[in-house]
Amino acid sequence: MDKNSIESVLENYTALVKRVDDHLLNIEKKYADKIVCKKGCDTCCRFLTLFPVEAVSISSAFGKLPEEIQTIIVNNLKNREDACPLLINRACALYSHRPIICRTHGYPIYMEKDGEPLVDFCPKNFNGITSFPKDALLSIEQLNTTLTTINRYFLDSIETDPPFPDRIPISGALFLEK
C-alpha cells in the first residue's frame, strides 16, 4: 500500500485522534495544576496490542523515524518484556502517533461496571478532585464503539493477504510496512 492510500484510509482514525486530542487539551487547560503526568512519567507505558488501523498508523510513523531511533526501538523489543518498546529515555519515540489508549490513559474516563457508573483516572492525577463535570469525561464505551467502527471501515477499505488479525501486538505493528 502506498503512502497516499495509507493516509486516505487513515482519515477517519486521524479525525478521531484529533477529536480526542482536542478534548484532552481542554482537560489539560482546565486542570493544569492537577495533572502530574508529564514526560518521564511512564509507569502506564506497557506492551500492548492494537487494532489494525492503529497498527498501520504506528507502522507508517515508525518508518519515518531516523534509522538510529528505529534501531533503539528494535533493541528495546529484544530486551523488554512488559514495557513499551517505543520508550527511549522514558519518553515515547512516537508520541504524536501514539494509540488512543495511550492518549487517554490517566484522564477521566466514564464507564459502567456492574451497572453502576464509574469514573476512572490515574491516581497520580487530579489529586483532591472527587467529581468531574460531564464535559470533562470520555465515555469509554462510546470511544471503543467509534474506534471499532473506524477499524471495521479501515479493514473493509483495504486488502491484505493474509487478512489482519483482530489485534496486532505493537512489536508486529512496527514492521507492517516493511
C-alpha atoms as a PDB file:
ATOM      1  CA  MET A   1       0.000   0.000   0.000  1.00  0.00           C
ATOM      2  CA  ASP A   2       1.483   3.345  -0.979  1.00  0.00           C
ATOM      3  CA  LYS A   3       1.755   6.269   1.433  1.00  0.00           C
ATOM      4  CA  ASN A   4      -1.071   8.274  -0.205  1.00  0.00           C
ATOM      5  CA  SER A   5      -3.523   5.409   0.060  1.00  0.00           C
ATOM      6  CA  ILE A   6      -2.473   4.782   3.672  1.00  0.00           C
ATOM      7  CA  GLU A   7      -3.229   8.412   4.548  1.00  0.00           C
ATOM      8  CA  SER A   8      -6.555   8.164   2.733  1.00  0.00           C
ATOM      9  CA  VAL A   9      -7.766   5.070   4.624  1.00  0.00           C
ATOM     10  CA  LEU A  10      -6.495   6.507   7.916  1.00  0.00           C
ATOM     11  CA  GLU A  11      -8.553   9.719   7.560  1.00  0.00           C
ATOM     12  CA  ASN A  12     -11.332   8.577   9.930  1.00  0.00           C
ATOM     13  CA  TYR A  13      -8.818   7.406  12.515  1.00  0.00           C
ATOM     14  CA  THR A  14      -6.899  10.686  12.213  1.00  0.00           C
ATOM     15  CA  ALA A  15     -10.155  12.617  12.723  1.00  0.00           C
ATOM     16  CA  LEU A  16     -10.914  10.584  15.873  1.00  0.00           C
ATOM     17  CA  VAL A  17      -7.401  11.213  17.209  1.00  0.00           C
ATOM     18  CA  LYS A  18      -7.900  14.948  16.642  1.00  0.00           C
ATOM     19  CA  ARG A  19     -11.240  14.933  18.481  1.00  0.00           C
ATOM     20  CA  VAL A  20      -9.721  13.020  21.406  1.00  0.00           C
ATOM     21  CA  ASP A  21      -6.683  15.313  21.495  1.00  0.00           C
ATOM     22  CA  ASP A  22      -8.929  18.418  21.447  1.00  0.00           C
ATOM     23  CA  HIS A  23     -10.937  17.039  24.381  1.00  0.00           C
ATOM     24  CA  LEU A  24      -7.784  16.230  26.339  1.00  0.00           C
ATOM     25  CA  LEU A  25      -6.314  19.655  25.617  1.00  0.00           C
ATOM     26  CA  ASN A  26      -9.417  21.211  27.201  1.00  0.00           C
ATOM     27  CA  ILE A  27      -8.959  18.968  30.254  1.00  0.00           C
ATOM     28  CA  GLU A  28      -5.296  19.951  30.462  1.00  0.00           C
ATOM     29  CA  LYS A  29      -6.217  23.642  30.384  1.00  0.00           C
ATOM     30  CA  LYS A  30      -8.966  23.291  32.968  1.00  0.00           C
ATOM     31  CA  TYR A  31      -6.965  21.085  35.355  1.00  0.00           C
ATOM     32  CA  ALA A  32      -3.411  22.187  34.562  1.00  0.00           C
ATOM     33  CA  ASP A  33      -2.421  22.336  38.216  1.00  0.00           C
ATOM     34  CA  LYS A  34      -3.825  18.842  38.895  1.00  0.00           C
ATOM     35  CA  ILE A  35      -2.152  16.822  36.137  1.00  0.00           C
ATOM     36  CA  VAL A  36       1.226  15.495  37.173  1.00  0.00           C
ATOM     37  CA  CYS A  37       1.760  13.167  34.240  1.00  0.00           C
ATOM     38  CA  LYS A  38       4.498  14.683  32.093  1.00  0.00           C
ATOM     39  CA  LYS A  39       7.438  13.461  30.018  1.00  0.00           C
ATOM     40  CA  GLY A  40       9.187  10.823  32.113  1.00  0.00           C
ATOM     41  CA  CYS A  41       6.004   9.543  33.760  1.00  0.00           C
ATOM     42  CA  ASP A  42       5.944   6.157  32.053  1.00  0.00           C
ATOM     43  CA  THR A  43       4.594   3.646  34.578  1.00  0.00           C
ATOM     44  CA  CYS A  44       1.485   3.100  32.433  1.00  0.00           C
ATOM     45  CA  CYS A  45       3.504   2.560  29.231  1.00  0.00           C
ATOM     46  CA  ARG A  46       3.194  -1.186  28.744  1.00  0.00           C
ATOM     47  CA  PHE A  47       3.448  -3.568  25.842  1.00  0.00           C
ATOM     48  CA  LEU A  48       0.003  -3.657  24.241  1.00  0.00           C
ATOM     49  CA  THR A  49      -1.978  -4.803  21.254  1.00  0.00           C
ATOM     50  CA  LEU A  50      -3.628  -2.529  18.720  1.00  0.00           C
ATOM     51  CA  PHE A  51      -6.485  -2.510  16.276  1.00  0.00           C
ATOM     52  CA  PRO A  52      -5.146  -2.879  12.718  1.00  0.00           C
ATOM     53  CA  VAL A  53      -5.975   0.773  11.898  1.00  0.00           C
ATOM     54  CA  GLU A  54      -3.806   1.893  14.824  1.00  0.00           C
ATOM     55  CA  ALA A  55      -1.100  -0.607  13.919  1.00  0.00           C
ATOM     56  CA  VAL A  56      -0.861   0.724  10.359  1.00  0.00           C
ATOM     57  CA  SER A  57      -0.705   4.294  11.682  1.00  0.00           C
ATOM     58  CA  ILE A  58       2.107   3.326  14.082  1.00  0.00           C
ATOM     59  CA  SER A  59       3.946   1.429  11.341  1.00  0.00           C
ATOM     60  CA  SER A  60       3.782   4.395   9.000  1.00  0.00           C
ATOM     61  CA  ALA A  61       5.152   6.724  11.693  1.00  0.00           C
ATOM     62  CA  PHE A  62       7.839   4.214  12.706  1.00  0.00           C
ATOM     63  CA  GLY A  63       9.056   4.019   9.108  1.00  0.00           C
ATOM     64  CA  LYS A  64       9.632   7.788   9.103  1.00  0.00           C
ATOM     65  CA  LEU A  65      11.860   7.760  12.200  1.00  0.00           C
ATOM     66  CA  PRO A  66      15.621   8.139  11.792  1.00  0.00           C
ATOM     67  CA  GLU A  67      17.362   4.784  11.432  1.00  0.00           C
ATOM     68  CA  GLU A  68      19.220   5.164  14.759  1.00  0.00           C
ATOM     69  CA  ILE A  69      15.903   5.603  16.622  1.00  0.00           C
ATOM     70  CA  GLN A  70      14.419   2.602  14.814  1.00  0.00           C
ATOM     71  CA  THR A  71      17.447   0.556  15.908  1.00  0.00           C
ATOM     72  CA  ILE A  72      16.969   1.549  19.556  1.00  0.00           C
ATOM     73  CA  ILE A  73      13.301   0.540  19.375  1.00  0.00           C
ATOM     74  CA  VAL A  74      14.151  -2.814  17.779  1.00  0.00           C
ATOM     75  CA  ASN A  75      16.697  -3.428  20.562  1.00  0.00           C
ATOM     76  CA  ASN A  76      14.019  -2.499  23.115  1.00  0.00           C
ATOM     77  CA  LEU A  77      11.789  -5.191  21.614  1.00  0.00           C
ATOM     78  CA  LYS A  78      14.502  -7.757  22.331  1.00  0.00           C
ATOM     79  CA  ASN A  79      15.313  -6.518  25.845  1.00  0.00           C
ATOM     80  CA  ARG A  80      11.962  -5.578  27.377  1.00  0.00           C
ATOM     81  CA  GLU A  81       9.121  -7.911  28.169  1.00  0.00           C
ATOM     82  CA  ASP A  82       6.404  -5.627  29.521  1.00  0.00           C
ATOM     83  CA  ALA A  83       7.481  -2.033  28.907  1.00  0.00           C
ATOM     84  CA  CYS A  84       6.541  -0.386  25.650  1.00  0.00           C
ATOM     85  CA  PRO A  85       9.412  -0.668  23.150  1.00  0.00           C
ATOM     86  CA  LEU A  86       8.747   2.887  21.977  1.00  0.00           C
ATOM     87  CA  LEU A  87      10.104   4.304  25.240  1.00  0.00           C
ATOM     88  CA  ILE A  88      13.507   5.908  24.874  1.00  0.00           C
ATOM     89  CA  ASN A  89      14.836   7.678  27.964  1.00  0.00           C
ATOM     90  CA  ARG A  90      11.346   7.419  29.495  1.00  0.00           C
ATOM     91  CA  ALA A  91       9.694   9.238  26.578  1.00  0.00           C
ATOM     92  CA  CYS A  92       7.637   7.880  23.673  1.00  0.00           C
ATOM     93  CA  ALA A  93       9.513   7.975  20.377  1.00  0.00           C
ATOM     94  CA  LEU A  94       6.173   8.129  18.539  1.00  0.00           C
ATOM     95  CA  TYR A  95       4.310  10.360  20.984  1.00  0.00           C
ATOM     96  CA  SER A  96       2.383  12.293  18.327  1.00  0.00           C
ATOM     97  CA  HIS A  97       1.298   8.983  16.750  1.00  0.00           C
ATOM     98  CA  ARG A  98       0.548   7.027  19.938  1.00  0.00           C
ATOM     99  CA  PRO A  99      -2.620   4.894  20.025  1.00  0.00           C
ATOM    100  CA  ILE A 100      -5.896   6.071  21.535  1.00  0.00           C
ATOM    101  CA  ILE A 101      -5.409   4.123  24.763  1.00  0.00           C
ATOM    102  CA  CYS A 102      -2.079   5.855  25.344  1.00  0.00           C
ATOM    103  CA  ARG A 103      -3.620   9.257  24.649  1.00  0.00           C
ATOM    104  CA  THR A 104      -6.485   8.785  27.099  1.00  0.00           C
ATOM    105  CA  HIS A 105      -4.732   6.936  29.908  1.00  0.00           C
ATOM    106  CA  GLY A 106      -4.807   8.886  33.144  1.00  0.00           C
ATOM    107  CA  TYR A 107      -7.608  11.230  32.102  1.00  0.00           C
ATOM    108  CA  PRO A 108     -11.153  10.953  33.497  1.00  0.00           C
ATOM    109  CA  ILE A 109     -12.914   8.067  31.772  1.00  0.00           C
ATOM    110  CA  TYR A 110     -16.587   7.267  32.297  1.00  0.00           C
ATOM    111  CA  MET A 111     -17.704   3.654  32.272  1.00  0.00           C
ATOM    112  CA  GLU A 112     -20.233   1.394  33.869  1.00  0.00           C
ATOM    113  CA  LYS A 113     -19.214  -1.536  36.000  1.00  0.00           C
ATOM    114  CA  ASP A 114     -21.883  -3.994  37.113  1.00  0.00           C
ATOM    115  CA  GLY A 115     -24.482  -1.443  36.009  1.00  0.00           C
ATOM    116  CA  GLU A 116     -23.031   1.283  38.213  1.00  0.00           C
ATOM    117  CA  PRO A 117     -21.441   4.483  36.848  1.00  0.00           C
ATOM    118  CA  LEU A 118     -17.719   4.726  37.448  1.00  0.00           C
ATOM    119  CA  VAL A 119     -15.150   7.408  36.683  1.00  0.00           C
ATOM    120  CA  ASP A 120     -11.568   6.217  36.452  1.00  0.00           C
ATOM    121  CA  PHE A 121      -8.359   8.239  36.157  1.00  0.00           C
ATOM    122  CA  CYS A 122      -4.713   7.917  37.118  1.00  0.00           C
ATOM    123  CA  PRO A 123      -4.400   8.197  40.908  1.00  0.00           C
ATOM    124  CA  LYS A 124      -1.346  10.427  40.437  1.00  0.00           C
ATOM    125  CA  ASN A 125      -3.503  12.972  38.583  1.00  0.00           C
ATOM    126  CA  PHE A 126      -6.430  15.056  39.808  1.00  0.00           C
ATOM    127  CA  ASN A 127      -5.464  14.941  43.483  1.00  0.00           C
ATOM    128  CA  GLY A 128      -8.293  16.159  45.691  1.00  0.00           C
ATOM    129  CA  ILE A 129     -10.919  16.052  42.955  1.00  0.00           C
ATOM    130  CA  THR A 130     -13.946  13.934  43.858  1.00  0.00           C
ATOM    131  CA  SER A 131     -16.108  14.543  40.796  1.00  0.00           C
ATOM    132  CA  PHE A 132     -15.915  15.900  37.269  1.00  0.00           C
ATOM    133  CA  PRO A 133     -18.446  17.731  35.137  1.00  0.00           C
ATOM    134  CA  LYS A 134     -19.897  15.600  32.355  1.00  0.00           C
ATOM    135  CA  ASP A 135     -17.998  17.528  29.659  1.00  0.00           C
ATOM    136  CA  ALA A 136     -14.689  16.502  31.268  1.00  0.00           C
ATOM    137  CA  LEU A 137     -15.394  12.788  30.867  1.00  0.00           C
ATOM    138  CA  LEU A 138     -14.624  10.483  27.979  1.00  0.00           C
ATOM    139  CA  SER A 139     -17.109   7.642  27.652  1.00  0.00           C
ATOM    140  CA  ILE A 140     -15.013   4.513  27.218  1.00  0.00           C
ATOM    141  CA  GLU A 141     -17.970   2.703  25.630  1.00  0.00           C
ATOM    142  CA  GLN A 142     -18.542   5.451  23.074  1.00  0.00           C
ATOM    143  CA  LEU A 143     -14.825   5.746  22.366  1.00  0.00           C
ATOM    144  CA  ASN A 144     -14.429   1.985  21.905  1.00  0.00           C
ATOM    145  CA  THR A 145     -17.525   1.789  19.694  1.00  0.00           C
ATOM    146  CA  THR A 146     -16.217   4.605  17.498  1.00  0.00           C
ATOM    147  CA  LEU A 147     -12.737   3.102  17.275  1.00  0.00           C
ATOM    148  CA  THR A 148     -14.163  -0.345  16.477  1.00  0.00           C
ATOM    149  CA  THR A 149     -16.333   1.148  13.717  1.00  0.00           C
ATOM    150  CA  ILE A 150     -13.394   3.068  12.251  1.00  0.00           C
ATOM    151  CA  ASN A 151     -11.282  -0.087  12.364  1.00  0.00           C
ATOM    152  CA  ARG A 152     -14.020  -2.097  10.584  1.00  0.00           C
ATOM    153  CA  TYR A 153     -14.289   0.564   7.865  1.00  0.00           C
ATOM    154  CA  PHE A 154     -10.494   0.576   7.551  1.00  0.00           C
ATOM    155  CA  LEU A 155     -10.393  -3.213   7.158  1.00  0.00           C
ATOM    156  CA  ASP A 156     -13.193  -3.080   4.580  1.00  0.00           C
ATOM    157  CA  SER A 157     -11.242  -0.431   2.628  1.00  0.00           C
ATOM    158  CA  ILE A 158      -8.020  -2.378   2.211  1.00  0.00           C
ATOM    159  CA  GLU A 159      -6.987  -5.795   1.023  1.00  0.00           C
ATOM    160  CA  THR A 160      -4.313  -7.763   2.796  1.00  0.00           C
ATOM    161  CA  ASP A 161      -3.219 -11.319   2.288  1.00  0.00           C
ATOM    162  CA  PRO A 162      -3.458 -12.788   4.806  1.00  0.00           C
ATOM    163  CA  PRO A 163      -6.087 -10.575   6.458  1.00  0.00           C
ATOM    164  CA  PHE A 164      -5.080  -8.639   9.553  1.00  0.00           C
ATOM    165  CA  PRO A 165      -5.822 -10.329  12.878  1.00  0.00           C
ATOM    166  CA  ASP A 166      -8.270  -8.594  15.246  1.00  0.00           C
ATOM    167  CA  ARG A 167      -5.412  -7.272  17.378  1.00  0.00           C
ATOM    168  CA  ILE A 168      -1.769  -6.715  16.500  1.00  0.00           C
ATOM    169  CA  PRO A 169       0.990  -6.568  19.111  1.00  0.00           C
ATOM    170  CA  ILE A 170       2.970  -3.362  18.983  1.00  0.00           C
ATOM    171  CA  SER A 171       6.036  -5.466  18.098  1.00  0.00           C
ATOM    172  CA  GLY A 172       4.273  -6.626  14.926  1.00  0.00           C
ATOM    173  CA  ALA A 173       2.759  -3.244  14.177  1.00  0.00           C
ATOM    174  CA  LEU A 174       6.134  -1.596  13.807  1.00  0.00           C
ATOM    175  CA  PHE A 175       7.016  -3.702  10.777  1.00  0.00           C
ATOM    176  CA  LEU A 176       3.771  -3.810   8.806  1.00  0.00           C
ATOM    177  CA  GLU A 177       5.177  -1.536   6.103  1.00  0.00           C
ATOM    178  CA  LYS A 178       8.500  -3.333   5.760  1.00  0.00           C
END
